[in-house]
Amino acid sequence: MSLEVIVVGQEAAAEVLAVVRAAFAARPVLDPPADALSETEASIAALLAPGGGLLARLDGRTVGAVVLDPDGDALYLRRFGVDPSAQGRGIARALVRAALAEAGRRDGLKRLVILAREELPLTVQFWRDMGFAETARQPPYVEMARPVPRTVEIPTADAMRSLGEHLASVLQAGDVLVLSGELGAGKTTFTQGLGAGLDVRGSITSPTFVIARVHPSLSGGPSLVHVDAYRLGGTAELDDLDLDTDLDQAVTVVEWGSGLAEGLADGWLEVRIGRATGDAGATGIDPEADPRIVELDPVGVRWLGVELPASSTL
């Protein structure tokens, strides 16, 4: 199975319309009816004019579409749909991920917004599963939004520490950070910067052998809880850690925590660290000098409006 998602403009109005008609016609009858059912090729072209859209193609066949509608610092997802014949193959998730990536490439966009029908609870749950949170409700619509990820290029270990230190300035008690990246990617170096920015006590090293360490604040701010989830068997074991601190009063950083630590809070910040070369075993590359690409992916209402660090600030 070959799946690709491409950015399109008004020239793709007919393809977008075909997906919209197929997707919305298969949904339950709503009152009032969905506006999408009255779209024409001309009206779709007009919707595509400001910000374009995305098409998903499965083995060369167009099976998914969404219109991207920029409005201030928000990118609205309009006429989001997947052809019923292709449902269950990850098309909708691929479209959302592509929309997030596209928003990250456009200047000034900070959030993705979707208007879901409250009569369709499974649809609303899908958006929650994709990291969207309810921000407003005007029946029959539920407005849901999620922040746009930010990608930062980190050329040196000092810059990685600086990223952590800058990020610390926007953190508050109760925040959860989930770190991922191969061994040696820079997760602990990043956390050392966080510790410096939060002004906590103690040397921050990899917590592998003790699973978790608590670093109290030296200045009345939140403590830093540094957890290595690599050897934990599940969320229950994470909850059972005897940390001698209230996580609501601390900033919690969980290495190797993807899919595990998110239950600690309603919102969290994914910090994904990768090598710029894409090949940790490449010959002739100094692993200490190999630049890193860090993706800061915030999830939840807590992060809407939070200014995350950019490469230019480091």
Protein backbone atom coordinates (compact mmCIF):
# COMPACT_ATOMS: atom_id res chain seq x y z
CA MET A 1 0.00 0.00 0.00
CA SER A 2 1.42 3.36 -1.07
CA LEU A 3 0.01 6.43 0.66
CA GLU A 4 1.04 9.99 -0.13
CA VAL A 5 -0.36 13.34 0.99
CA ILE A 6 0.28 16.33 -1.25
CA VAL A 7 -0.39 20.06 -1.05
CA VAL A 8 -2.77 21.33 -3.75
CA GLY A 9 -4.44 24.53 -4.88
CA GLN A 10 -7.54 25.50 -6.84
CA GLU A 11 -6.55 23.23 -9.73
CA ALA A 12 -7.55 20.25 -7.56
CA ALA A 13 -11.08 21.49 -6.82
CA ALA A 14 -12.73 18.62 -8.72
CA GLU A 15 -10.75 15.97 -6.84
CA VAL A 16 -11.46 17.60 -3.47
CA LEU A 17 -15.15 17.88 -4.32
CA ALA A 18 -15.36 14.17 -5.23
CA VAL A 19 -13.95 13.17 -1.84
CA VAL A 20 -16.17 15.65 0.03
CA ARG A 21 -19.31 14.33 -1.67
CA ALA A 22 -18.42 10.70 -1.04
CA ALA A 23 -17.40 11.27 2.60
CA PHE A 24 -20.25 13.52 3.70
CA ALA A 25 -22.95 11.57 1.86
CA ALA A 26 -21.99 8.49 3.90
CA ARG A 27 -22.46 10.26 7.24
CA PRO A 28 -25.69 10.14 9.27
CA VAL A 29 -28.40 12.62 8.31
CA LEU A 30 -27.98 15.74 10.44
CA ASP A 31 -30.27 18.63 11.26
CA PRO A 32 -29.33 21.13 9.96
CA PRO A 33 -27.63 19.29 7.07
CA ALA A 34 -23.88 19.65 6.61
CA ASP A 35 -22.98 22.62 4.40
CA ALA A 36 -20.51 20.36 2.60
CA LEU A 37 -23.35 18.57 0.82
CA SER A 38 -24.16 21.71 -1.18
CA GLU A 39 -20.59 22.36 -2.39
CA THR A 40 -19.81 22.71 -6.10
CA GLU A 41 -16.53 22.69 -7.94
CA ALA A 42 -16.62 26.50 -8.07
CA SER A 43 -17.31 26.84 -4.33
CA ILE A 44 -14.52 24.40 -3.46
CA ALA A 45 -12.14 26.34 -5.71
CA ALA A 46 -13.06 29.50 -3.81
CA LEU A 47 -12.40 27.75 -0.48
CA LEU A 48 -9.00 26.58 -1.73
CA ALA A 49 -7.94 30.04 -2.90
CA PRO A 50 -6.64 31.49 0.41
CA GLY A 51 -4.60 28.55 1.74
CA GLY A 52 -4.86 25.56 -0.57
CA GLY A 53 -5.55 22.08 0.67
CA LEU A 54 -4.28 18.52 1.00
CA LEU A 55 -5.07 15.41 -1.02
CA ALA A 56 -4.37 11.88 0.18
CA ARG A 57 -3.68 9.31 -2.52
CA LEU A 58 -3.70 5.59 -1.89
CA ASP A 59 -1.93 3.62 -4.62
CA GLY A 60 -2.48 6.62 -6.88
CA ARG A 61 -6.20 6.97 -6.15
CA THR A 62 -7.47 10.12 -4.41
CA VAL A 63 -9.17 9.00 -1.19
CA GLY A 64 -8.88 11.90 1.27
CA ALA A 65 -8.99 15.68 1.25
CA VAL A 66 -9.03 18.74 3.46
CA VAL A 67 -9.18 22.48 2.75
CA LEU A 68 -6.65 24.61 4.65
CA ASP A 69 -8.19 27.93 5.67
CA PRO A 70 -5.79 30.38 7.39
CA ASP A 71 -7.35 32.95 9.74
CA GLY A 72 -4.94 35.01 11.83
CA ASP A 73 -2.71 32.63 13.79
CA ALA A 74 -5.08 29.69 13.17
CA LEU A 75 -5.32 27.21 10.33
CA TYR A 76 -8.87 25.86 10.06
CA LEU A 77 -9.43 22.41 8.59
CA ARG A 78 -12.49 22.58 6.34
CA ARG A 79 -14.32 19.85 4.44
CA PHE A 80 -12.16 17.16 6.03
CA GLY A 81 -13.13 13.82 4.57
CA VAL A 82 -12.06 10.31 3.61
CA ASP A 83 -13.72 8.23 0.91
CA PRO A 84 -15.69 5.45 2.67
CA SER A 85 -14.00 2.83 0.49
CA ALA A 86 -10.63 3.73 2.00
CA GLN A 87 -11.57 4.14 5.65
CA GLY A 88 -9.71 2.11 8.26
CA ARG A 89 -6.34 2.56 6.57
CA GLY A 90 -4.97 5.54 8.48
CA ILE A 91 -5.90 8.12 5.84
CA ALA A 92 -7.49 10.56 8.30
CA ARG A 93 -4.51 10.42 10.66
CA ALA A 94 -2.12 10.95 7.76
CA LEU A 95 -4.08 14.03 6.68
CA VAL A 96 -3.94 15.49 10.20
CA ARG A 97 -0.20 14.87 10.49
CA ALA A 98 0.36 16.46 7.09
CA ALA A 99 -1.76 19.47 8.06
CA LEU A 100 0.31 19.94 11.24
CA ALA A 101 3.53 19.74 9.23
CA GLU A 102 2.23 22.18 6.63
CA ALA A 103 1.13 24.63 9.34
CA GLY A 104 4.60 24.44 10.84
CA ARG A 105 6.10 25.53 7.52
CA ARG A 106 3.90 28.62 7.27
CA ASP A 107 4.83 31.77 9.17
CA GLY A 108 2.62 32.94 12.01
CA LEU A 109 0.41 29.88 12.41
CA LYS A 110 0.14 28.64 15.99
CA ARG A 111 -2.88 26.35 16.08
CA LEU A 112 -4.98 23.98 14.01
CA VAL A 113 -8.75 24.29 14.45
CA ILE A 114 -11.59 21.97 13.49
CA LEU A 115 -15.36 22.41 13.85
CA ALA A 116 -16.93 19.04 14.64
CA ARG A 117 -20.62 18.20 14.88
CA GLU A 118 -21.60 17.38 18.45
CA GLU A 119 -24.11 14.77 17.18
CA LEU A 120 -21.14 12.69 15.96
CA PRO A 121 -19.38 11.57 19.17
CA LEU A 122 -17.04 9.17 17.38
CA THR A 123 -15.83 12.02 15.18
CA VAL A 124 -15.30 14.25 18.22
CA GLN A 125 -13.35 11.41 19.89
CA PHE A 126 -11.14 11.02 16.82
CA TRP A 127 -10.09 14.65 17.11
CA ARG A 128 -9.41 14.20 20.82
CA ASP A 129 -7.24 11.20 19.99
CA MET A 130 -5.31 13.41 17.57
CA GLY A 131 -4.51 15.86 20.35
CA PHE A 132 -7.29 18.39 19.79
CA ALA A 133 -9.08 19.84 22.81
CA GLU A 134 -12.44 21.60 23.02
CA THR A 135 -12.04 25.38 23.02
CA ALA A 136 -15.64 26.51 22.37
CA ARG A 137 -19.10 25.12 21.79
CA GLN A 138 -21.84 26.67 19.70
CA PRO A 139 -24.42 23.98 18.93
CA PRO A 140 -24.40 22.05 16.76
CA TYR A 141 -20.63 22.65 16.50
CA VAL A 142 -17.77 21.86 18.86
CA GLU A 143 -14.65 23.93 18.19
CA MET A 144 -11.48 21.95 18.86
CA ALA A 145 -7.88 23.06 18.51
CA ARG A 146 -4.32 21.92 19.02
CA PRO A 147 -1.02 23.82 18.88
CA VAL A 148 1.22 23.61 15.84
CA PRO A 149 4.53 21.74 16.38
CA ARG A 150 7.76 23.69 16.07
CA THR A 151 10.99 22.29 14.61
CA VAL A 152 14.32 23.62 15.85
CA GLU A 153 17.76 22.84 14.41
CA ILE A 154 20.34 22.35 17.15
CA PRO A 155 23.97 22.46 15.94
CA THR A 156 25.82 21.75 19.22
CA ALA A 157 25.44 20.33 22.71
CA ASP A 158 25.59 23.87 24.11
CA ALA A 159 22.68 24.83 21.86
CA MET A 160 20.75 21.79 23.14
CA ARG A 161 21.25 23.00 26.72
CA SER A 162 20.24 26.49 25.64
CA LEU A 163 17.03 25.10 24.12
CA GLY A 164 16.17 23.46 27.44
CA GLU A 165 16.98 26.64 29.34
CA HIS A 166 14.83 28.80 27.06
CA LEU A 167 11.96 26.33 27.24
CA ALA A 168 12.10 26.40 31.04
CA SER A 169 10.99 30.04 30.94
CA VAL A 170 7.51 29.04 29.69
CA LEU A 171 7.05 25.98 31.91
CA GLN A 172 4.90 25.82 35.01
CA ALA A 173 4.10 23.35 37.77
CA GLY A 174 2.16 20.36 36.46
CA ASP A 175 3.73 20.37 32.99
CA VAL A 176 4.78 17.02 31.53
CA LEU A 177 7.49 16.68 28.87
CA VAL A 178 7.88 13.40 26.98
CA LEU A 179 11.35 12.96 25.46
CA SER A 180 12.20 10.54 22.66
CA GLY A 181 15.30 9.93 20.58
CA GLU A 182 17.94 7.25 20.16
CA LEU A 183 20.71 6.69 22.69
CA GLY A 184 23.07 9.66 22.67
CA ALA A 185 20.60 11.93 20.89
CA GLY A 186 20.81 14.58 23.60
CA LYS A 187 17.85 13.93 25.90
CA THR A 188 19.87 14.30 29.09
CA THR A 189 21.74 17.33 27.72
CA PHE A 190 18.38 18.95 26.99
CA THR A 191 17.19 18.16 30.52
CA GLN A 192 20.34 19.72 31.98
CA GLY A 193 19.32 22.95 30.26
CA LEU A 194 15.83 22.65 31.73
CA GLY A 195 17.33 22.21 35.18
CA ALA A 196 19.47 25.31 34.76
CA GLY A 197 16.48 27.33 33.58
CA LEU A 198 14.29 26.09 36.42
CA ASP A 199 17.10 26.71 38.95
CA VAL A 200 16.93 23.30 40.61
CA ARG A 201 19.34 21.54 42.94
CA GLY A 202 21.57 18.65 42.00
CA SER A 203 23.50 17.41 39.00
CA ILE A 204 21.23 16.15 36.23
CA THR A 205 22.45 12.86 34.77
CA SER A 206 20.75 9.95 33.07
CA PRO A 207 18.30 8.39 35.58
CA THR A 208 18.64 4.91 34.04
CA PHE A 209 19.77 3.10 37.17
CA VAL A 210 17.44 4.82 39.64
CA ILE A 211 14.49 5.28 37.21
CA ALA A 212 13.60 8.68 38.68
CA ARG A 213 15.20 11.63 40.45
CA VAL A 214 13.61 14.68 42.05
CA HIS A 215 15.50 17.99 41.84
CA PRO A 216 13.99 20.56 44.24
CA SER A 217 13.88 24.22 43.29
CA LEU A 218 16.47 26.57 44.77
CA SER A 219 14.28 29.62 44.25
CA GLY A 220 10.73 28.67 45.15
CA GLY A 221 9.73 27.43 41.69
CA PRO A 222 8.58 23.96 40.65
CA SER A 223 10.79 20.94 41.25
CA LEU A 224 12.11 18.96 38.29
CA VAL A 225 11.19 15.27 38.23
CA HIS A 226 13.45 13.38 35.80
CA VAL A 227 12.18 9.89 34.89
CA ASP A 228 13.58 7.15 32.65
CA ALA A 229 10.62 5.04 31.50
CA TYR A 230 12.71 2.61 29.43
CA ARG A 231 12.37 -0.25 31.93
CA LEU A 232 8.84 0.50 33.09
CA GLY A 233 6.17 -1.99 32.11
CA GLY A 234 3.28 0.43 31.79
CA THR A 235 1.44 3.48 33.09
CA ALA A 236 0.60 1.74 36.37
CA GLU A 237 4.29 1.32 37.18
CA LEU A 238 4.87 4.98 36.35
CA ASP A 239 2.05 5.98 38.69
CA ASP A 240 3.51 3.76 41.42
CA LEU A 241 6.93 5.46 41.48
CA ASP A 242 7.69 6.74 44.97
CA LEU A 243 8.81 10.21 43.95
CA ASP A 244 8.18 11.91 47.31
CA THR A 245 6.69 14.90 45.48
CA ASP A 246 3.35 16.01 44.07
CA LEU A 247 3.60 16.01 40.27
CA ASP A 248 1.10 18.88 40.18
CA GLN A 249 3.79 20.96 41.87
CA ALA A 250 6.64 19.87 39.58
CA VAL A 251 7.78 19.85 35.98
CA THR A 252 8.04 16.18 34.98
CA VAL A 253 10.40 15.05 32.22
CA VAL A 254 10.01 11.45 31.05
CA GLU A 255 12.65 9.94 28.77
CA TRP A 256 11.46 7.05 26.58
CA GLY A 257 7.93 8.00 27.62
CA SER A 258 6.01 8.10 24.32
CA GLY A 259 2.71 6.27 24.69
CA LEU A 260 3.28 5.89 28.42
CA ALA A 261 3.61 9.24 30.20
CA GLU A 262 0.80 11.10 28.47
CA GLY A 263 -1.69 9.90 31.09
CA LEU A 264 0.05 11.98 33.73
CA ALA A 265 -1.66 15.17 32.49
CA ASP A 266 -4.42 16.41 30.19
CA GLY A 267 -1.76 18.08 28.04
CA TRP A 268 1.91 17.46 27.48
CA LEU A 269 4.86 18.47 25.33
CA GLU A 270 6.47 15.88 23.08
CA VAL A 271 10.17 16.57 22.53
CA ARG A 272 11.47 14.37 19.70
CA ILE A 273 15.21 14.55 19.03
CA GLY A 274 16.70 13.21 15.80
CA ARG A 275 20.03 13.47 14.05
CA ALA A 276 20.24 15.80 11.07
CA THR A 277 22.13 13.11 9.13
CA GLY A 278 19.38 10.59 9.80
CA ASP A 279 22.07 7.91 10.27
CA ALA A 280 23.58 7.40 13.70
CA GLY A 281 26.06 4.88 12.30
CA ALA A 282 27.30 6.97 9.39
CA THR A 283 31.08 6.90 9.09
CA GLY A 284 33.14 10.06 9.21
CA ILE A 285 30.59 11.93 11.36
CA ASP A 286 31.54 13.14 14.82
CA PRO A 287 28.53 12.13 16.98
CA GLU A 288 29.15 15.11 19.27
CA ALA A 289 29.16 17.54 16.34
CA ASP A 290 26.28 15.95 14.41
CA PRO A 291 23.45 18.52 14.41
CA ARG A 292 20.13 17.54 15.90
CA ILE A 293 16.61 18.30 14.73
CA VAL A 294 14.26 18.80 17.68
CA GLU A 295 10.50 18.72 17.18
CA LEU A 296 8.49 20.39 19.95
CA ASP A 297 4.98 18.98 19.65
CA PRO A 298 2.56 20.43 22.24
CA VAL A 299 -0.74 18.69 22.96
CA GLY A 300 -3.66 20.15 24.91
CA VAL A 301 -5.28 23.46 25.78
CA ARG A 302 -2.44 24.29 28.19
CA TRP A 303 -0.09 24.88 25.27
CA LEU A 304 -2.34 27.02 23.09
CA GLY A 305 -0.75 30.46 22.91
CA VAL A 306 2.53 29.37 24.53
CA GLU A 307 5.54 30.78 22.63
CA LEU A 308 7.99 27.90 22.16
CA PRO A 309 11.68 28.59 21.49
CA ALA A 310 12.87 29.02 17.90
CA SER A 311 16.32 28.44 16.39
CA SER A 312 16.89 32.21 16.24
CA THR A 313 16.57 32.53 20.03
CA LEU A 314 19.32 30.05 20.89
